N, C-alpha and C. Protein backbone atom coordinates (compact mmCIF):
# COMPACT_ATOMS: atom_id res chain seq x y z
N MET A 1 37.62 15.60 4.33
CA MET A 1 36.77 15.26 5.11
C MET A 1 35.82 14.16 4.81
N PHE A 2 35.42 13.78 3.50
CA PHE A 2 34.87 13.40 3.52
C PHE A 2 36.08 12.21 2.89
N ASN A 3 35.72 11.41 3.87
CA ASN A 3 36.60 9.82 3.18
C ASN A 3 36.12 8.36 3.05
N ARG A 4 36.85 7.72 3.23
CA ARG A 4 35.66 6.35 2.54
C ARG A 4 34.77 5.78 3.14
N ARG A 5 34.93 5.82 4.06
CA ARG A 5 34.17 4.99 4.98
C ARG A 5 32.34 5.73 5.27
N SER A 6 32.49 6.98 5.15
CA SER A 6 31.06 7.75 5.34
C SER A 6 30.69 8.06 3.61
N ALA A 7 31.49 7.66 2.36
CA ALA A 7 31.38 7.85 1.34
C ALA A 7 29.94 6.36 1.05
N LEU A 8 31.04 5.29 1.34
CA LEU A 8 30.23 3.70 1.30
C LEU A 8 28.68 4.05 1.93
N PHE A 9 28.81 4.89 3.65
CA PHE A 9 27.13 4.44 4.31
C PHE A 9 26.85 5.68 3.29
N ALA A 10 26.93 6.87 3.11
CA ALA A 10 26.28 7.53 1.85
C ALA A 10 25.46 6.62 0.55
N LEU A 11 26.20 6.14 -0.75
CA LEU A 11 25.93 5.35 -1.07
C LEU A 11 24.68 4.00 -0.66
N THR A 12 25.48 3.29 -0.01
CA THR A 12 24.63 2.08 1.17
C THR A 12 23.34 2.32 1.40
N ALA A 13 22.94 3.96 2.23
CA ALA A 13 22.36 4.30 2.58
C ALA A 13 21.08 4.71 0.89
N ALA A 14 21.64 5.21 0.08
CA ALA A 14 20.82 6.21 -0.57
C ALA A 14 20.02 4.14 -1.50
N ALA A 15 21.17 3.46 -1.50
CA ALA A 15 20.84 2.26 -2.41
C ALA A 15 19.41 1.27 -1.27
N LEU A 16 19.53 1.68 -0.17
CA LEU A 16 18.14 1.15 0.38
C LEU A 16 17.08 1.82 0.27
N LEU A 17 17.09 3.35 0.24
CA LEU A 17 15.95 4.11 0.20
C LEU A 17 15.63 3.21 -1.30
N THR A 18 16.02 3.70 -2.11
CA THR A 18 15.84 4.03 -3.33
C THR A 18 15.34 2.84 -3.93
N SER A 19 15.93 1.40 -3.90
CA SER A 19 14.88 -0.16 -3.25
C SER A 19 13.65 -0.39 -2.39
N GLY A 20 13.08 0.74 -1.66
CA GLY A 20 12.36 -0.11 -1.55
C GLY A 20 11.59 1.39 -1.06
N CYS A 21 11.37 1.55 -3.26
CA CYS A 21 10.28 3.00 -3.03
C CYS A 21 9.81 2.49 -4.36
N THR A 22 10.26 0.53 -4.98
CA THR A 22 9.91 0.32 -6.77
C THR A 22 8.32 -0.93 -5.72
N SER A 23 8.07 -0.92 -7.00
CA SER A 23 6.80 -2.22 -6.36
C SER A 23 7.09 -3.44 -6.41
N ILE A 24 5.94 -3.50 -6.09
CA ILE A 24 5.93 -4.96 -5.29
C ILE A 24 5.68 -5.89 -6.52
N GLY A 25 5.08 -5.48 -7.28
CA GLY A 25 4.63 -6.34 -8.84
C GLY A 25 5.34 -6.85 -9.54
N ALA A 26 6.79 -5.82 -10.06
CA ALA A 26 8.27 -5.84 -10.74
C ALA A 26 9.16 -6.52 -10.02
N LYS A 27 8.84 -7.16 -9.24
CA LYS A 27 10.45 -8.17 -8.75
C LYS A 27 9.94 -9.63 -8.82
N HIS A 28 8.07 -10.00 -8.55
CA HIS A 28 7.77 -11.53 -8.33
C HIS A 28 7.01 -11.73 -9.78
N GLN A 29 7.15 -13.00 -9.95
CA GLN A 29 6.06 -13.38 -11.77
C GLN A 29 4.85 -13.10 -10.94
N PRO A 30 4.01 -12.89 -11.38
CA PRO A 30 2.67 -13.66 -11.51
C PRO A 30 2.15 -14.18 -10.73
N ALA A 31 2.09 -14.63 -9.93
CA ALA A 31 1.13 -16.34 -9.49
C ALA A 31 -0.09 -16.76 -10.18
N TYR A 32 -0.30 -15.91 -10.88
CA TYR A 32 -1.55 -16.67 -12.24
C TYR A 32 -1.66 -15.86 -13.59
N SER A 33 -1.71 -15.69 -14.20
CA SER A 33 -1.46 -15.95 -15.92
C SER A 33 -3.34 -15.84 -17.07
N GLY A 34 -4.13 -16.62 -15.89
CA GLY A 34 -5.44 -16.22 -16.70
C GLY A 34 -5.25 -15.22 -16.42
N PRO A 35 -6.98 -15.15 -17.12
CA PRO A 35 -7.72 -13.80 -17.46
C PRO A 35 -7.93 -13.29 -15.79
N THR A 36 -7.94 -11.15 -15.99
CA THR A 36 -7.91 -10.92 -14.98
C THR A 36 -8.55 -9.97 -14.82
N LYS A 37 -8.82 -9.50 -13.55
CA LYS A 37 -9.90 -8.70 -14.07
C LYS A 37 -9.91 -7.11 -12.64
N THR A 38 -9.59 -5.98 -13.38
CA THR A 38 -9.35 -4.60 -12.94
C THR A 38 -10.57 -4.40 -11.38
N ILE A 39 -9.84 -3.87 -11.04
CA ILE A 39 -10.53 -3.24 -9.79
C ILE A 39 -10.55 -1.83 -10.04
N LYS A 40 -10.49 -0.76 -9.41
CA LYS A 40 -9.90 0.38 -9.46
C LYS A 40 -11.53 1.64 -9.33
N GLY A 41 -10.61 2.81 -8.47
CA GLY A 41 -11.49 3.20 -7.39
C GLY A 41 -10.97 4.68 -7.12
N TYR A 42 -11.29 5.47 -6.03
CA TYR A 42 -10.59 6.50 -5.08
C TYR A 42 -10.34 5.72 -3.80
N LEU A 43 -9.11 6.68 -4.14
CA LEU A 43 -8.98 6.72 -1.53
C LEU A 43 -8.43 8.27 -0.79
N ARG A 44 -10.18 8.07 -0.24
CA ARG A 44 -10.83 9.28 0.14
C ARG A 44 -10.09 9.08 1.44
N GLY A 45 -9.92 10.78 1.94
CA GLY A 45 -9.56 10.77 3.32
C GLY A 45 -9.87 12.09 3.21
N SER A 46 -9.57 12.61 5.05
CA SER A 46 -9.12 14.24 4.60
C SER A 46 -9.15 14.84 3.80
N SER A 47 -10.07 15.99 3.85
CA SER A 47 -9.31 17.07 2.84
C SER A 47 -8.35 18.03 3.67
N PHE A 48 -7.94 17.90 4.80
CA PHE A 48 -6.86 18.58 5.30
C PHE A 48 -6.00 17.92 5.50
N ALA A 49 -5.66 16.27 4.98
CA ALA A 49 -4.09 16.13 5.22
C ALA A 49 -3.93 16.40 3.85
N GLN A 50 -2.38 16.67 3.69
CA GLN A 50 -1.47 17.05 2.69
C GLN A 50 -0.58 16.30 2.11
N LEU A 51 -0.42 15.60 0.69
CA LEU A 51 0.51 14.52 0.30
C LEU A 51 1.47 14.51 -0.10
N THR A 52 2.59 14.14 -0.29
CA THR A 52 3.64 14.92 -0.64
C THR A 52 4.15 13.03 -1.93
N PRO A 53 4.66 13.83 -2.69
CA PRO A 53 5.65 12.58 -3.39
C PRO A 53 5.57 11.48 -3.55
N SER A 54 6.30 11.72 -2.85
CA SER A 54 7.59 10.68 -2.22
C SER A 54 6.83 9.04 -1.43
N LEU A 55 5.18 9.82 -0.96
CA LEU A 55 4.36 8.61 -0.45
C LEU A 55 4.40 7.76 -1.58
N VAL A 56 3.69 6.10 -0.84
CA VAL A 56 3.84 5.34 -1.24
C VAL A 56 2.27 4.46 -0.60
N VAL A 57 2.06 3.87 -2.42
CA VAL A 57 0.64 3.58 -1.51
C VAL A 57 0.36 2.26 -1.88
N TYR A 58 0.54 1.03 -1.31
CA TYR A 58 0.65 -0.48 -0.97
C TYR A 58 -0.81 -1.32 -0.99
N ILE A 59 -1.36 -1.73 -1.54
CA ILE A 59 -2.78 -2.35 -1.98
C ILE A 59 -2.16 -4.02 -2.01
N THR A 60 -3.04 -4.62 -1.38
CA THR A 60 -2.97 -5.98 -1.13
C THR A 60 -4.27 -6.01 -1.59
N ALA A 61 -4.54 -7.36 -2.44
CA ALA A 61 -6.31 -7.76 -2.69
C ALA A 61 -6.24 -9.54 -1.87
N TYR A 62 -7.70 -9.67 -1.23
CA TYR A 62 -8.01 -10.99 -0.86
C TYR A 62 -9.21 -11.25 -1.33
N ASP A 63 -8.71 -12.66 -1.14
CA ASP A 63 -10.11 -13.48 -1.76
C ASP A 63 -11.18 -13.93 -0.52
N ALA A 64 -11.55 -12.65 -0.30
CA ALA A 64 -12.65 -13.00 1.16
C ALA A 64 -13.86 -13.71 0.44
N THR A 65 -14.32 -14.97 -0.02
CA THR A 65 -14.82 -15.40 -0.55
C THR A 65 -16.05 -16.06 1.35
N ASN A 66 -15.47 -16.70 2.35
CA ASN A 66 -15.62 -17.88 3.28
C ASN A 66 -15.22 -16.60 4.18
N GLY A 67 -15.21 -15.24 4.16
CA GLY A 67 -15.00 -14.18 5.07
C GLY A 67 -13.86 -14.40 5.80
N ASN A 68 -13.53 -13.61 7.16
CA ASN A 68 -12.21 -13.33 7.93
C ASN A 68 -12.26 -15.03 8.56
N SER A 69 -12.75 -15.88 8.63
CA SER A 69 -12.69 -17.06 9.81
C SER A 69 -11.71 -17.53 9.66
N LYS A 70 -10.65 -17.50 8.19
CA LYS A 70 -10.02 -18.07 7.80
C LYS A 70 -8.64 -17.39 7.46
N PRO A 71 -7.84 -17.47 7.77
CA PRO A 71 -6.88 -16.55 6.78
C PRO A 71 -7.63 -17.01 5.33
N MET A 72 -7.00 -15.17 4.82
CA MET A 72 -8.14 -15.05 3.31
C MET A 72 -6.67 -14.83 2.53
N PRO A 73 -6.70 -16.09 1.87
CA PRO A 73 -5.67 -16.49 0.93
C PRO A 73 -4.89 -14.30 -0.42
N VAL A 74 -4.15 -13.86 -0.45
CA VAL A 74 -3.72 -12.99 -1.70
C VAL A 74 -4.26 -13.84 -2.62
N ILE A 75 -4.69 -13.12 -3.16
CA ILE A 75 -4.88 -13.47 -4.88
C ILE A 75 -4.55 -12.31 -5.52
N GLY A 76 -3.52 -10.51 -5.06
CA GLY A 76 -3.19 -10.06 -5.81
C GLY A 76 -2.50 -8.49 -4.93
N GLU A 77 -1.61 -8.11 -5.65
CA GLU A 77 -0.78 -6.90 -4.74
C GLU A 77 -0.36 -6.15 -5.71
N THR A 78 -0.28 -4.78 -5.21
CA THR A 78 0.44 -3.53 -5.85
C THR A 78 1.02 -2.69 -5.82
N SER A 79 1.91 -1.98 -5.89
CA SER A 79 1.95 -0.67 -4.56
C SER A 79 2.84 0.31 -5.89
N PHE A 80 2.33 1.72 -5.68
CA PHE A 80 3.20 2.72 -6.38
C PHE A 80 2.76 3.61 -5.88
N THR A 81 4.34 4.67 -6.59
CA THR A 81 4.90 6.18 -5.84
C THR A 81 3.32 7.26 -6.60
N LEU A 82 3.49 7.69 -5.27
CA LEU A 82 1.74 8.75 -5.28
C LEU A 82 2.52 9.83 -6.78
N GLY A 83 4.11 10.75 -6.77
CA GLY A 83 4.41 11.39 -7.70
C GLY A 83 3.49 12.49 -7.98
N ARG A 84 2.92 13.28 -6.98
CA ARG A 84 2.81 14.44 -6.76
C ARG A 84 2.61 14.35 -5.27
N SER A 85 2.12 16.59 -5.16
CA SER A 85 1.92 16.38 -4.23
C SER A 85 0.20 17.30 -3.98
N GLY A 86 -0.72 17.43 -2.84
CA GLY A 86 -1.96 17.72 -3.34
C GLY A 86 -2.19 16.86 -1.53
N TYR A 87 -3.68 16.36 -2.12
CA TYR A 87 -4.60 16.07 -1.12
C TYR A 87 -5.36 14.94 -2.16
N PHE A 88 -6.72 14.20 -0.80
CA PHE A 88 -7.20 13.21 -1.54
C PHE A 88 -7.70 13.91 -2.21
N PRO A 89 -8.98 13.16 -2.92
CA PRO A 89 -8.87 11.37 -3.69
C PRO A 89 -7.85 11.08 -3.71
N ILE A 90 -7.46 9.63 -3.58
CA ILE A 90 -6.05 9.50 -5.50
C ILE A 90 -6.36 8.41 -5.69
N ALA A 91 -6.49 8.44 -7.04
CA ALA A 91 -6.81 6.94 -8.32
C ALA A 91 -5.89 6.09 -7.75
N TYR A 92 -6.68 4.58 -7.75
CA TYR A 92 -6.38 3.27 -8.00
C TYR A 92 -6.53 2.92 -8.38
N GLU A 93 -6.31 1.70 -9.17
CA GLU A 93 -6.32 0.50 -9.58
C GLU A 93 -5.57 -1.32 -9.48
N ILE A 94 -6.13 -2.30 -9.53
CA ILE A 94 -5.82 -3.39 -9.17
C ILE A 94 -6.32 -4.60 -10.41
N GLU A 95 -5.07 -5.53 -10.44
CA GLU A 95 -5.23 -6.95 -11.03
C GLU A 95 -5.18 -7.77 -10.65
N ILE A 96 -6.64 -8.35 -10.67
CA ILE A 96 -6.65 -9.82 -9.77
C ILE A 96 -6.70 -10.95 -10.55
N PRO A 97 -7.11 -12.35 -10.76
CA PRO A 97 -7.65 -13.42 -11.40
C PRO A 97 -9.22 -13.17 -11.32
N ALA A 98 -9.30 -13.22 -12.82
CA ALA A 98 -11.01 -13.05 -13.05
C ALA A 98 -11.51 -14.71 -12.75
N ALA A 99 -11.71 -15.13 -12.49
CA ALA A 99 -11.77 -16.75 -11.90
C ALA A 99 -13.10 -16.89 -11.46
N LYS A 100 -14.30 -17.59 -10.95
CA LYS A 100 -15.20 -17.10 -10.09
C LYS A 100 -15.14 -17.62 -9.19
N SER A 101 -13.75 -17.75 -8.99
CA SER A 101 -13.31 -18.81 -7.92
C SER A 101 -13.46 -17.64 -6.35
N ALA A 102 -13.97 -16.30 -6.35
CA ALA A 102 -13.33 -15.81 -5.48
C ALA A 102 -14.26 -14.44 -5.83
N PRO A 103 -15.67 -14.47 -5.40
CA PRO A 103 -16.30 -13.99 -5.89
C PRO A 103 -17.27 -12.42 -4.94
N LYS A 104 -15.53 -12.96 -3.69
CA LYS A 104 -15.27 -11.35 -2.84
C LYS A 104 -14.40 -11.34 -2.66
N VAL A 105 -14.16 -9.81 -3.15
CA VAL A 105 -12.68 -9.98 -3.19
C VAL A 105 -12.00 -8.19 -1.41
N ALA A 106 -11.26 -8.45 -1.03
CA ALA A 106 -11.59 -7.57 0.19
C ALA A 106 -10.02 -6.90 -0.30
N LEU A 107 -9.69 -5.37 0.34
CA LEU A 107 -8.58 -4.50 0.02
C LEU A 107 -8.13 -4.26 1.31
N SER A 108 -6.53 -4.53 1.26
CA SER A 108 -6.02 -3.77 2.76
C SER A 108 -5.55 -3.18 1.90
N VAL A 109 -5.29 -1.48 2.14
CA VAL A 109 -4.26 -0.15 1.72
C VAL A 109 -3.71 0.49 3.15
N GLN A 110 -2.36 0.52 2.27
CA GLN A 110 -1.64 1.13 3.63
C GLN A 110 -0.61 2.26 2.65
N ILE A 111 -0.67 3.59 2.38
CA ILE A 111 0.18 4.14 2.14
C ILE A 111 1.51 5.13 3.74
N GLY A 112 2.22 5.73 3.03
CA GLY A 112 2.83 5.70 3.87
C GLY A 112 4.84 5.52 2.60
N THR A 113 5.47 5.76 4.40
CA THR A 113 6.68 5.91 3.28
C THR A 113 7.61 4.21 3.77
N PRO A 114 8.60 3.39 3.12
CA PRO A 114 9.19 2.08 3.34
C PRO A 114 9.42 2.24 4.86
N GLY A 115 8.56 1.65 5.92
CA GLY A 115 8.80 1.56 7.14
C GLY A 115 8.36 2.75 8.44
N ARG A 116 7.98 3.14 7.83
CA ARG A 116 6.06 4.07 8.23
C ARG A 116 4.61 4.34 7.48
N ILE A 117 4.02 3.46 8.36
CA ILE A 117 2.92 4.27 8.27
C ILE A 117 1.79 5.30 8.87
N LEU A 118 0.99 6.14 7.34
CA LEU A 118 0.59 7.30 8.00
C LEU A 118 -0.97 6.86 7.04
N PHE A 119 -1.32 6.81 6.78
CA PHE A 119 -2.50 6.25 5.94
C PHE A 119 -3.03 4.95 6.14
N SER A 120 -4.16 4.34 5.98
CA SER A 120 -4.90 2.62 6.24
C SER A 120 -5.94 2.85 6.59
N ASN A 121 -6.42 1.56 5.77
CA ASN A 121 -8.18 1.15 5.05
C ASN A 121 -8.99 2.15 6.61
N ASP A 122 -9.99 2.71 6.42
CA ASP A 122 -10.53 2.77 7.86
C ASP A 122 -11.36 1.78 8.26
N ARG A 123 -11.52 0.71 7.89
CA ARG A 123 -12.05 -0.44 8.66
C ARG A 123 -11.38 -1.81 8.30
N GLN A 124 -11.44 -2.72 8.84
CA GLN A 124 -9.45 -3.49 8.76
C GLN A 124 -9.89 -3.45 6.92
N TYR A 125 -10.60 -3.95 6.44
CA TYR A 125 -10.74 -4.07 4.67
C TYR A 125 -11.83 -4.01 4.04
N SER A 126 -11.78 -3.40 3.04
CA SER A 126 -13.06 -2.90 1.91
C SER A 126 -13.13 -3.84 1.65
N GLN A 127 -14.51 -4.63 1.24
CA GLN A 127 -14.61 -5.97 0.16
C GLN A 127 -15.93 -5.25 -1.09
N THR A 128 -15.27 -5.55 -1.85
CA THR A 128 -16.25 -5.87 -3.22
C THR A 128 -17.16 -6.56 -3.63
N THR A 129 -18.05 -7.07 -4.70
CA THR A 129 -18.32 -8.08 -5.65
C THR A 129 -18.12 -7.38 -7.49
N GLY A 130 -17.87 -6.27 -6.83
CA GLY A 130 -17.24 -5.34 -8.86
C GLY A 130 -16.15 -4.92 -9.00
N ASN A 131 -16.55 -3.44 -9.56
CA ASN A 131 -15.13 -3.42 -10.51
C ASN A 131 -15.21 -2.75 -9.96
N ASN A 132 -15.51 -1.71 -9.40
CA ASN A 132 -15.49 -0.35 -8.18
C ASN A 132 -15.29 0.02 -7.06
N MET A 133 -14.59 0.35 -6.23
CA MET A 133 -14.54 0.81 -4.56
C MET A 133 -14.15 1.98 -4.79
N ASP A 134 -14.61 3.04 -4.06
CA ASP A 134 -13.63 3.80 -3.27
C ASP A 134 -13.66 3.30 -1.82
N ILE A 135 -12.18 3.84 -1.06
CA ILE A 135 -12.32 3.54 0.28
C ILE A 135 -11.93 4.43 0.88
N PRO A 136 -12.39 4.27 2.54
CA PRO A 136 -12.32 5.61 3.14
C PRO A 136 -10.54 5.37 3.84
N MET A 137 -10.27 5.95 3.83
CA MET A 137 -8.33 6.19 4.51
C MET A 137 -8.60 7.12 6.10
N ARG A 138 -8.01 6.34 6.58
CA ARG A 138 -7.88 7.55 8.24
C ARG A 138 -5.86 7.34 8.09
N GLU A 139 -5.85 8.61 9.01
CA GLU A 139 -4.52 8.32 9.51
C GLU A 139 -4.14 7.38 10.46
N ALA A 140 -2.90 7.10 10.45
CA ALA A 140 -3.19 6.12 11.70
C ALA A 140 -2.35 6.25 12.89
N PRO A 141 -2.51 6.30 13.59
CA PRO A 141 -2.35 6.03 15.11
C PRO A 141 -0.54 6.81 15.02
N PRO A 142 -1.01 8.06 16.19
CA PRO A 142 0.55 8.46 16.78
C PRO A 142 1.88 7.11 16.99
N ARG A 143 3.42 7.45 16.76
CA ARG A 143 3.29 5.90 17.46
C ARG A 143 3.95 6.45 19.25
N LEU A 144 3.88 6.04 19.99
CA LEU A 144 4.11 6.21 21.74
C LEU A 144 6.05 5.86 21.76
N ARG A 145 6.34 6.97 22.60
CA ARG A 145 7.60 6.87 22.76
C ARG A 145 8.07 7.67 24.37
N ASN A 146 8.82 7.07 24.05
CA ASN A 146 9.66 6.02 25.13
C ASN A 146 10.23 7.47 26.04
N PHE A 147 8.94 7.53 27.65
CA PHE A 147 10.34 8.56 27.54
C PHE A 147 11.13 8.61 29.19
N ARG A 148 11.49 7.54 29.13
CA ARG A 148 12.63 6.93 30.53
C ARG A 148 13.43 8.53 30.14
N ASN A 149 14.44 8.65 28.95
CA ASN A 149 15.32 9.21 29.32
C ASN A 149 15.36 10.85 29.27
N GLY A 150 13.94 11.38 29.45
CA GLY A 150 13.67 12.35 29.58
C GLY A 150 12.95 13.47 27.95
N LEU A 151 12.67 14.22 28.63
CA LEU A 151 12.10 14.80 27.33
C LEU A 151 12.72 15.05 26.16
């Protein structure tokens, strides 16, 4: 019953699933090799939202010095697997260049599985000028389904 084609399909599916859960930072060399600054804090969400160990947290840091009137350059990004069941808050930290050229930093946070976002920032970007920042999270809106063929 278990033929070659299904075995190959199972191996390919397992490889795709495990490759999606790795951190972005491990795949790319850092673009900046000077002194760094660490921003850390907690992701705060609904106390009723249940989190699973397989969820992945994606954090991207942008230089928000000029506001969001122009495209903001990415100055850092990281991702990690939650690794625990439970509820909010979730501790995080991200390293960014410590240069004075980026006094205002905007963070974009998403929590989910590869291909599906479950939680995101409460605002489009959360901005800081310091080293600590707690970020409010909200559930992503439900996906609209196509009911042309019935329920």
